[in-house]
Protein backbone atom coordinates (compact mmCIF):
# COMPACT_ATOMS: atom_id res chain seq x y z
CA MET A 1 93.76 68.19 149.83
CA GLN A 2 90.88 67.25 147.31
CA ALA A 3 90.40 70.92 148.30
CA ARG A 4 93.64 72.32 147.13
CA ASP A 5 93.13 70.84 144.56
CA GLY A 6 90.61 71.46 143.69
CA GLN A 7 91.52 75.21 143.57
CA ASP A 8 94.03 74.58 141.75
CA ALA A 9 92.93 73.03 138.49
CA GLY A 10 90.40 76.06 139.40
CA GLN A 11 93.16 78.59 138.73
CA GLN A 12 94.40 76.40 135.87
CA GLY A 13 90.97 76.66 133.93
CA HIS A 14 91.14 80.66 134.99
CA ALA A 15 94.88 80.34 133.30
CA GLY A 16 93.44 79.12 130.45
CA GLY A 17 90.82 80.93 129.75
CA GLU A 18 93.21 83.98 130.15
CA GLY A 19 95.13 81.73 126.81
CA ASP A 20 92.22 81.20 125.24
CA GLN A 21 91.24 85.03 124.88
CA GLY A 22 94.83 85.59 123.95
CA LEU A 23 94.13 82.81 120.88
CA GLU A 24 90.86 84.64 119.85
CA ILE A 25 92.49 87.98 119.63
CA HIS A 26 96.14 86.52 117.71
CA GLY A 27 93.29 84.65 115.85
CA GLY A 28 92.11 88.14 114.34
CA VAL A 29 95.33 89.04 113.48
CA LEU A 30 97.26 86.10 112.15
CA PRO A 31 94.82 85.55 109.19
CA VAL A 32 95.10 89.51 107.93
CA LEU A 33 98.68 89.44 108.46
CA SER A 34 99.26 86.54 106.27
CA VAL A 35 96.89 87.91 103.62
CA LEU A 36 99.07 90.90 103.56
CA LEU A 37 102.26 89.27 103.26
CA PHE A 38 100.57 87.01 100.64
CA TRP A 39 99.31 89.96 98.24
CA LEU A 40 102.32 91.82 98.77
CA SER A 41 104.26 88.58 98.34
CA TRP A 42 102.55 88.24 94.96
CA LEU A 43 102.47 91.70 93.96
CA PHE A 44 106.40 91.53 94.25
CA CYS A 45 107.06 88.92 91.94
CA LEU A 46 104.58 90.35 89.51
CA PHE A 47 106.77 93.56 90.48
CA TRP A 48 109.95 91.92 89.39
CA LEU A 49 108.65 90.10 86.36
CA SER A 50 107.15 93.01 84.54
CA TRP A 51 110.43 94.87 84.72
CA LEU A 52 112.18 90.96 83.53
CA PHE A 53 109.69 90.71 81.07
CA ARG A 54 110.36 94.72 80.13
CA LEU A 55 114.40 93.94 79.69
CA PHE A 56 113.57 91.27 77.18
CA TRP A 57 110.92 92.84 75.52
CA LEU A 58 113.94 96.10 74.83
CA SER A 59 116.50 93.54 74.18
CA TRP A 60 114.43 92.13 71.72
CA LEU A 61 113.75 95.48 69.85
CA PHE A 62 117.04 96.58 69.88
CA ARG A 63 118.26 93.36 68.33
CA LEU A 64 115.60 93.79 65.49
CA PHE A 65 117.17 97.84 64.68
């Protein structure tokens, strides 16, 4: 019984090691994806702000004339 428990623990440890490798792979990908999403969201916000600024500027210019 004790030997069997030791084998089970060894298998669990091996499976845990494989899980850690998977986490390392995902750990390398997730920061890249988060940075890409961060910059894409900033570019999207800047794009819309630039359009709003253009519309505001054009409407203000048309009010002058």
